[in-house]
N, C-alpha and C. Protein backbone atom coordinates (compact mmCIF):
# COMPACT_ATOMS: atom_id res chain seq x y z
N MET A 1 -21.68 2.96 -21.51
CA MET A 1 -21.90 3.67 -22.75
C MET A 1 -20.95 4.86 -22.81
N SER A 2 -20.50 5.19 -23.97
CA SER A 2 -19.53 6.27 -24.12
C SER A 2 -20.20 7.64 -24.08
N THR A 3 -19.38 8.64 -23.88
CA THR A 3 -19.89 10.01 -23.87
C THR A 3 -19.52 10.74 -25.15
N TYR A 4 -19.21 9.99 -26.19
CA TYR A 4 -18.88 10.59 -27.49
C TYR A 4 -20.08 11.33 -28.06
N GLN A 5 -19.81 12.32 -28.88
CA GLN A 5 -20.86 13.02 -29.62
C GLN A 5 -21.02 12.32 -30.97
N TRP A 6 -21.88 11.33 -31.03
CA TRP A 6 -22.06 10.52 -32.23
C TRP A 6 -22.79 11.29 -33.31
N ARG A 7 -22.35 11.07 -34.55
CA ARG A 7 -23.00 11.66 -35.73
C ARG A 7 -23.30 10.57 -36.73
N LYS A 8 -24.38 10.75 -37.47
CA LYS A 8 -24.68 9.81 -38.55
C LYS A 8 -24.88 10.60 -39.84
N SER A 9 -24.74 9.91 -40.93
CA SER A 9 -24.89 10.54 -42.22
C SER A 9 -26.30 11.07 -42.42
N SER A 10 -26.41 12.21 -43.06
CA SER A 10 -27.73 12.74 -43.39
C SER A 10 -28.44 11.85 -44.40
N TYR A 11 -27.69 11.00 -45.10
CA TYR A 11 -28.29 10.07 -46.06
C TYR A 11 -29.03 8.93 -45.35
N SER A 12 -28.77 8.75 -44.07
CA SER A 12 -29.42 7.66 -43.32
C SER A 12 -30.87 7.98 -42.99
N ALA A 13 -31.23 9.24 -43.02
CA ALA A 13 -32.59 9.68 -42.67
C ALA A 13 -32.97 9.11 -41.31
N ASP A 14 -34.10 8.42 -41.23
CA ASP A 14 -34.54 7.86 -39.96
C ASP A 14 -34.28 6.36 -39.88
N ALA A 15 -33.43 5.87 -40.74
CA ALA A 15 -33.13 4.43 -40.74
C ALA A 15 -32.46 4.05 -39.43
N GLY A 16 -32.76 2.87 -38.94
CA GLY A 16 -32.19 2.42 -37.68
C GLY A 16 -30.88 1.67 -37.83
N ASN A 17 -30.50 1.36 -39.05
CA ASN A 17 -29.28 0.59 -39.27
C ASN A 17 -28.26 1.46 -40.01
N CYS A 18 -27.55 2.27 -39.26
CA CYS A 18 -26.60 3.17 -39.89
C CYS A 18 -25.30 3.19 -39.09
N VAL A 19 -24.26 3.70 -39.70
CA VAL A 19 -22.96 3.83 -39.07
C VAL A 19 -22.87 5.21 -38.43
N ASN A 20 -22.39 5.24 -37.20
CA ASN A 20 -22.17 6.49 -36.48
C ASN A 20 -20.68 6.71 -36.32
N VAL A 21 -20.26 7.96 -36.36
CA VAL A 21 -18.85 8.31 -36.12
C VAL A 21 -18.78 9.39 -35.06
N ALA A 22 -17.64 9.44 -34.36
CA ALA A 22 -17.43 10.45 -33.34
C ALA A 22 -15.94 10.76 -33.26
N ALA A 23 -15.63 12.01 -32.99
CA ALA A 23 -14.24 12.40 -32.76
C ALA A 23 -13.86 12.01 -31.34
N THR A 24 -12.63 11.51 -31.18
CA THR A 24 -12.11 11.16 -29.86
C THR A 24 -10.82 11.94 -29.63
N ASP A 25 -10.26 11.82 -28.45
CA ASP A 25 -8.98 12.48 -28.17
C ASP A 25 -7.87 11.93 -29.05
N ASP A 26 -7.97 10.63 -29.41
CA ASP A 26 -6.92 9.96 -30.17
C ASP A 26 -7.21 9.83 -31.66
N GLY A 27 -8.45 10.04 -32.08
CA GLY A 27 -8.79 9.84 -33.48
C GLY A 27 -10.27 9.81 -33.73
N ILE A 28 -10.76 8.66 -34.23
CA ILE A 28 -12.15 8.54 -34.64
C ILE A 28 -12.72 7.24 -34.09
N ALA A 29 -13.94 7.30 -33.58
CA ALA A 29 -14.67 6.11 -33.13
C ALA A 29 -15.79 5.84 -34.12
N ILE A 30 -16.03 4.56 -34.39
CA ILE A 30 -17.05 4.14 -35.35
C ILE A 30 -17.88 3.05 -34.70
N ARG A 31 -19.20 3.12 -34.90
CA ARG A 31 -20.08 2.06 -34.40
C ARG A 31 -21.25 1.90 -35.35
N GLU A 32 -21.91 0.77 -35.25
CA GLU A 32 -23.15 0.52 -36.00
C GLU A 32 -24.30 0.77 -35.03
N SER A 33 -25.32 1.43 -35.48
CA SER A 33 -26.42 1.79 -34.58
C SER A 33 -27.13 0.57 -34.02
N ASP A 34 -27.09 -0.56 -34.74
CA ASP A 34 -27.73 -1.78 -34.25
C ASP A 34 -26.99 -2.40 -33.06
N GLU A 35 -25.67 -2.13 -32.94
CA GLU A 35 -24.86 -2.65 -31.85
C GLU A 35 -24.00 -1.52 -31.29
N PRO A 36 -24.58 -0.57 -30.59
CA PRO A 36 -23.85 0.62 -30.16
C PRO A 36 -22.72 0.36 -29.16
N GLU A 37 -22.71 -0.82 -28.53
CA GLU A 37 -21.64 -1.12 -27.58
C GLU A 37 -20.36 -1.55 -28.28
N ALA A 38 -20.44 -1.99 -29.52
CA ALA A 38 -19.27 -2.44 -30.28
C ALA A 38 -18.68 -1.23 -31.00
N ILE A 39 -17.60 -0.70 -30.44
CA ILE A 39 -17.00 0.53 -30.96
C ILE A 39 -15.60 0.23 -31.49
N LEU A 40 -15.34 0.63 -32.73
CA LEU A 40 -14.02 0.54 -33.33
C LEU A 40 -13.36 1.90 -33.26
N THR A 41 -12.06 1.94 -33.09
CA THR A 41 -11.36 3.22 -33.11
C THR A 41 -10.26 3.16 -34.16
N THR A 42 -9.97 4.30 -34.74
CA THR A 42 -8.96 4.40 -35.79
C THR A 42 -8.43 5.82 -35.83
N THR A 43 -7.47 6.04 -36.70
CA THR A 43 -6.94 7.38 -36.90
C THR A 43 -7.59 7.97 -38.14
N PRO A 44 -7.59 9.28 -38.27
CA PRO A 44 -8.14 9.89 -39.48
C PRO A 44 -7.43 9.40 -40.75
N ALA A 45 -6.11 9.23 -40.68
CA ALA A 45 -5.35 8.77 -41.87
C ALA A 45 -5.75 7.35 -42.26
N ALA A 46 -5.89 6.46 -41.29
CA ALA A 46 -6.28 5.08 -41.59
C ALA A 46 -7.69 5.01 -42.15
N LEU A 47 -8.61 5.79 -41.60
CA LEU A 47 -9.98 5.82 -42.12
C LEU A 47 -10.00 6.38 -43.53
N ARG A 48 -9.25 7.42 -43.78
CA ARG A 48 -9.17 8.01 -45.12
C ARG A 48 -8.65 6.98 -46.12
N ASP A 49 -7.59 6.23 -45.75
CA ASP A 49 -7.05 5.20 -46.64
C ASP A 49 -8.06 4.08 -46.89
N PHE A 50 -8.80 3.71 -45.86
CA PHE A 50 -9.82 2.68 -46.01
C PHE A 50 -10.91 3.12 -46.97
N ILE A 51 -11.39 4.35 -46.80
CA ILE A 51 -12.45 4.88 -47.68
C ILE A 51 -11.94 4.98 -49.12
N ARG A 52 -10.75 5.50 -49.30
CA ARG A 52 -10.19 5.59 -50.66
C ARG A 52 -10.02 4.22 -51.29
N GLY A 53 -9.54 3.25 -50.53
CA GLY A 53 -9.38 1.90 -51.05
C GLY A 53 -10.70 1.26 -51.42
N THR A 54 -11.70 1.50 -50.60
CA THR A 54 -13.04 0.96 -50.89
C THR A 54 -13.59 1.57 -52.17
N LYS A 55 -13.48 2.89 -52.30
CA LYS A 55 -13.97 3.56 -53.50
C LYS A 55 -13.22 3.11 -54.75
N ALA A 56 -11.95 2.78 -54.59
CA ALA A 56 -11.14 2.34 -55.73
C ALA A 56 -11.38 0.87 -56.08
N GLY A 57 -12.19 0.16 -55.27
CA GLY A 57 -12.52 -1.22 -55.58
C GLY A 57 -11.56 -2.24 -55.00
N ARG A 58 -10.65 -1.83 -54.13
CA ARG A 58 -9.67 -2.77 -53.59
C ARG A 58 -10.29 -3.79 -52.64
N LEU A 59 -11.53 -3.60 -52.23
CA LEU A 59 -12.20 -4.57 -51.36
C LEU A 59 -13.31 -5.32 -52.08
N ASP A 60 -13.38 -5.18 -53.39
CA ASP A 60 -14.46 -5.81 -54.14
C ASP A 60 -14.39 -7.33 -54.13
N HIS A 61 -13.22 -7.88 -53.92
CA HIS A 61 -13.05 -9.33 -54.00
C HIS A 61 -12.44 -9.88 -52.72
N VAL A 62 -12.89 -9.37 -51.58
CA VAL A 62 -12.38 -9.86 -50.30
C VAL A 62 -12.87 -11.28 -50.11
N SER A 63 -11.95 -12.14 -49.72
CA SER A 63 -12.26 -13.55 -49.56
C SER A 63 -11.51 -14.09 -48.34
N PRO A 64 -12.08 -15.08 -47.65
CA PRO A 64 -11.36 -15.67 -46.54
C PRO A 64 -10.08 -16.37 -46.98
N LYS A 65 -9.96 -16.64 -48.28
CA LYS A 65 -8.77 -17.30 -48.81
C LYS A 65 -7.66 -16.30 -49.13
N GLY A 66 -7.92 -15.02 -48.96
CA GLY A 66 -6.92 -14.02 -49.27
C GLY A 66 -7.25 -13.29 -50.55
N PRO A 67 -6.40 -12.34 -50.94
CA PRO A 67 -6.69 -11.55 -52.14
C PRO A 67 -6.57 -12.40 -53.41
N PRO A 68 -7.31 -12.03 -54.43
CA PRO A 68 -7.22 -12.76 -55.69
C PRO A 68 -5.82 -12.59 -56.29
N GLN A 69 -5.37 -13.61 -56.98
CA GLN A 69 -4.06 -13.56 -57.63
C GLN A 69 -4.20 -12.83 -58.97
N ARG A 70 -3.28 -11.94 -59.24
CA ARG A 70 -3.29 -11.23 -60.52
C ARG A 70 -2.70 -12.10 -61.60
N THR A 71 -3.31 -12.04 -62.76
CA THR A 71 -2.76 -12.75 -63.91
C THR A 71 -2.42 -11.74 -64.96
N THR A 72 -1.29 -11.92 -65.59
CA THR A 72 -0.86 -10.97 -66.63
C THR A 72 -0.66 -11.66 -67.94
């Protein structure tokens, strides 16, 4: 188990299924509370781009077949 100082959103309240984040020497660690051993690591810039893209709807149509084709 890691020695990271994990934090969860105050919006999670006492829910058991939430995302935790922690600062690392190299960037940011992310885990789901249901599977605390599965830890993803990223940089602050990459996480920021992911969050912005998600909010902008760029992941609304994720498919195993690839991104939807634009029609004009």
